[in-house]
């Protein structure tokens, strides 16, 4: 079996690529993932995997993919640059007085 690291995997589309130890990009499809622990078969960037390779018309494809080690969520977000400040902050609420009653209005996010 060959070993590699998941380069990327689109879980909503069910495919991605692994970079092998030989530095080759190998296509992966969710139907080739063997994961008895989870019904929903998915991989994350940085997961270490082992697999067999078959040659298809468009290039190499990984089959019998087994997860050796899951990547850390913390490491994933460090690489992607995600932070709590990545999202715009909402504008402050406005206090107004209508007919002697105080009303609060809130403005939505500006994208």
C-alpha atoms as a PDB file:
ATOM      1  CA  UNK A   1       0.000   0.000   0.000  1.00  0.00           C
ATOM      2  CA  UNK A   2       1.081   3.545  -0.757  1.00  0.00           C
ATOM      3  CA  UNK A   3       0.946   6.345   1.823  1.00  0.00           C
ATOM      4  CA  UNK A   4       0.089   9.983   1.321  1.00  0.00           C
ATOM      5  CA  UNK A   5      -1.525  13.131   2.676  1.00  0.00           C
ATOM      6  CA  UNK A   6      -4.873  14.577   1.622  1.00  0.00           C
ATOM      7  CA  UNK A   7      -4.195  17.693  -0.454  1.00  0.00           C
ATOM      8  CA  UNK A   8      -7.872  18.705  -0.504  1.00  0.00           C
ATOM      9  CA  UNK A   9     -11.260  17.024  -0.378  1.00  0.00           C
ATOM     10  CA  UNK A  10     -14.609  18.560  -1.331  1.00  0.00           C
ATOM     11  CA  UNK A  11     -17.002  16.690   0.949  1.00  0.00           C
ATOM     12  CA  UNK A  12     -20.029  18.273  -0.734  1.00  0.00           C
ATOM     13  CA  UNK A  13     -18.878  16.915  -4.111  1.00  0.00           C
ATOM     14  CA  UNK A  14     -17.284  13.706  -2.835  1.00  0.00           C
ATOM     15  CA  UNK A  15     -13.855  13.958  -4.413  1.00  0.00           C
ATOM     16  CA  UNK A  16     -10.387  15.397  -3.926  1.00  0.00           C
ATOM     17  CA  UNK A  17      -6.691  14.643  -4.275  1.00  0.00           C
ATOM     18  CA  UNK A  18      -3.960  12.967  -2.250  1.00  0.00           C
ATOM     19  CA  UNK A  19      -0.279  13.834  -2.553  1.00  0.00           C
ATOM     20  CA  UNK A  20       1.628  10.548  -2.448  1.00  0.00           C
ATOM     21  CA  UNK A  21       5.056   9.936  -0.928  1.00  0.00           C
ATOM     22  CA  UNK A  22       6.382  10.121  -4.505  1.00  0.00           C
ATOM     23  CA  UNK A  23       4.903  13.649  -4.774  1.00  0.00           C
ATOM     24  CA  UNK A  24       2.191  12.585  -7.248  1.00  0.00           C
ATOM     25  CA  UNK A  25      -1.346  14.000  -7.148  1.00  0.00           C
ATOM     26  CA  UNK A  26      -3.815  11.128  -7.042  1.00  0.00           C
ATOM     27  CA  UNK A  27      -7.576  11.440  -7.505  1.00  0.00           C
ATOM     28  CA  UNK A  28      -9.847  10.210  -4.692  1.00  0.00           C
ATOM     29  CA  UNK A  29     -13.591   9.546  -4.595  1.00  0.00           C
ATOM     30  CA  UNK A  30     -15.617   9.078  -1.421  1.00  0.00           C
ATOM     31  CA  UNK A  31     -16.810   5.624  -2.524  1.00  0.00           C
ATOM     32  CA  UNK A  32     -13.214   4.367  -2.204  1.00  0.00           C
ATOM     33  CA  UNK A  33     -12.825   5.453   1.447  1.00  0.00           C
ATOM     34  CA  UNK A  34     -12.907   2.599   3.953  1.00  0.00           C
ATOM     35  CA  UNK A  35     -14.085   3.986   7.298  1.00  0.00           C
ATOM     36  CA  UNK A  36     -16.039   1.566   9.492  1.00  0.00           C
ATOM     37  CA  UNK A  37     -16.388   4.158  12.268  1.00  0.00           C
ATOM     38  CA  UNK A  38     -18.310   6.744  10.246  1.00  0.00           C
ATOM     39  CA  UNK A  39     -21.273   6.336   7.927  1.00  0.00           C
ATOM     40  CA  UNK A  40     -20.470   9.648   6.216  1.00  0.00           C
ATOM     41  CA  UNK A  41     -17.187   9.025   4.397  1.00  0.00           C
ATOM     42  CA  UNK A  42     -15.107  12.180   4.236  1.00  0.00           C
ATOM     43  CA  UNK A  43     -11.503  13.322   4.468  1.00  0.00           C
ATOM     44  CA  UNK A  44      -9.903  16.561   5.592  1.00  0.00           C
ATOM     45  CA  UNK A  45      -6.872  18.411   4.328  1.00  0.00           C
ATOM     46  CA  UNK A  46      -3.780  16.993   6.006  1.00  0.00           C
ATOM     47  CA  UNK A  47      -5.227  13.556   6.850  1.00  0.00           C
ATOM     48  CA  UNK A  48      -2.602  10.821   6.534  1.00  0.00           C
ATOM     49  CA  UNK A  49      -3.880   7.894   4.487  1.00  0.00           C
ATOM     50  CA  UNK A  50      -2.779   4.638   2.903  1.00  0.00           C
ATOM     51  CA  UNK A  51      -4.235   3.351  -0.343  1.00  0.00           C
ATOM     52  CA  UNK A  52      -3.810   1.314  -3.497  1.00  0.00           C
ATOM     53  CA  UNK A  53      -3.412   2.990  -6.887  1.00  0.00           C
ATOM     54  CA  UNK A  54      -5.100   2.068 -10.140  1.00  0.00           C
ATOM     55  CA  UNK A  55      -4.476   3.734 -13.472  1.00  0.00           C
ATOM     56  CA  UNK A  56      -7.564   5.195 -15.103  1.00  0.00           C
ATOM     57  CA  UNK A  57      -8.109   7.039 -18.366  1.00  0.00           C
ATOM     58  CA  UNK A  58      -7.671  10.464 -16.739  1.00  0.00           C
ATOM     59  CA  UNK A  59      -4.773   9.427 -14.503  1.00  0.00           C
ATOM     60  CA  UNK A  60      -4.026   7.637 -11.229  1.00  0.00           C
ATOM     61  CA  UNK A  61      -6.872   6.974  -8.791  1.00  0.00           C
ATOM     62  CA  UNK A  62      -6.684   5.889  -5.155  1.00  0.00           C
ATOM     63  CA  UNK A  63      -8.789   2.941  -4.007  1.00  0.00           C
ATOM     64  CA  UNK A  64      -9.098   1.125  -0.657  1.00  0.00           C
ATOM     65  CA  UNK A  65      -8.307   4.390   1.155  1.00  0.00           C
ATOM     66  CA  UNK A  66      -7.744   3.948   4.896  1.00  0.00           C
ATOM     67  CA  UNK A  67      -7.178   6.802   7.314  1.00  0.00           C
ATOM     68  CA  UNK A  68      -3.960   6.399   9.299  1.00  0.00           C
ATOM     69  CA  UNK A  69      -4.155   9.666  11.219  1.00  0.00           C
ATOM     70  CA  UNK A  70      -6.691  12.483  11.157  1.00  0.00           C
ATOM     71  CA  UNK A  71      -5.335  16.015  10.854  1.00  0.00           C
ATOM     72  CA  UNK A  72      -5.844  18.395  13.740  1.00  0.00           C
ATOM     73  CA  UNK A  73      -8.688  20.904  13.411  1.00  0.00           C
ATOM     74  CA  UNK A  74      -6.413  23.524  14.954  1.00  0.00           C
ATOM     75  CA  UNK A  75      -3.738  22.907  12.321  1.00  0.00           C
ATOM     76  CA  UNK A  76      -6.344  23.105   9.551  1.00  0.00           C
ATOM     77  CA  UNK A  77      -7.539  26.525  10.671  1.00  0.00           C
ATOM     78  CA  UNK A  78      -3.971  27.787  11.121  1.00  0.00           C
ATOM     79  CA  UNK A  79      -3.294  26.929   7.479  1.00  0.00           C
ATOM     80  CA  UNK A  80      -6.524  28.445   6.171  1.00  0.00           C
ATOM     81  CA  UNK A  81      -6.063  31.685   8.092  1.00  0.00           C
ATOM     82  CA  UNK A  82      -9.421  31.441   9.843  1.00  0.00           C
ATOM     83  CA  UNK A  83      -9.822  33.610  12.891  1.00  0.00           C
ATOM     84  CA  UNK A  84     -12.680  34.968  14.938  1.00  0.00           C
ATOM     85  CA  UNK A  85     -12.076  38.322  13.297  1.00  0.00           C
ATOM     86  CA  UNK A  86     -12.587  36.981   9.781  1.00  0.00           C
ATOM     87  CA  UNK A  87     -16.206  38.076   9.742  1.00  0.00           C
ATOM     88  CA  UNK A  88     -17.546  41.630   9.556  1.00  0.00           C
ATOM     89  CA  UNK A  89     -18.900  43.088  12.756  1.00  0.00           C
ATOM     90  CA  UNK A  90     -22.493  44.297  12.810  1.00  0.00           C
ATOM     91  CA  UNK A  91     -23.275  47.968  13.117  1.00  0.00           C
ATOM     92  CA  UNK A  92     -24.315  49.182  16.546  1.00  0.00           C
ATOM     93  CA  UNK A  93     -27.943  49.165  17.496  1.00  0.00           C
ATOM     94  CA  UNK A  94     -29.887  52.412  17.514  1.00  0.00           C
ATOM     95  CA  UNK A  95     -32.116  53.476  20.372  1.00  0.00           C
ATOM     96  CA  UNK A  96     -35.044  55.614  19.296  1.00  0.00           C
ATOM     97  CA  UNK A  97     -38.052  56.954  21.110  1.00  0.00           C
ATOM     98  CA  UNK A  98     -41.436  56.669  19.408  1.00  0.00           C
ATOM     99  CA  UNK A  99     -44.616  57.865  21.132  1.00  0.00           C
ATOM    100  CA  UNK A 100     -42.822  57.901  24.474  1.00  0.00           C
ATOM    101  CA  UNK A 101     -41.641  54.285  24.127  1.00  0.00           C
ATOM    102  CA  UNK A 102     -38.048  53.275  23.596  1.00  0.00           C
ATOM    103  CA  UNK A 103     -37.479  51.078  20.558  1.00  0.00           C
ATOM    104  CA  UNK A 104     -34.328  49.306  19.531  1.00  0.00           C
ATOM    105  CA  UNK A 105     -33.415  48.741  15.922  1.00  0.00           C
ATOM    106  CA  UNK A 106     -30.515  46.697  14.687  1.00  0.00           C
ATOM    107  CA  UNK A 107     -28.795  47.014  11.355  1.00  0.00           C
ATOM    108  CA  UNK A 108     -27.627  43.886   9.571  1.00  0.00           C
ATOM    109  CA  UNK A 109     -24.166  43.017   8.298  1.00  0.00           C
ATOM    110  CA  UNK A 110     -22.744  44.949   5.353  1.00  0.00           C
ATOM    111  CA  UNK A 111     -20.982  42.636   2.893  1.00  0.00           C
END
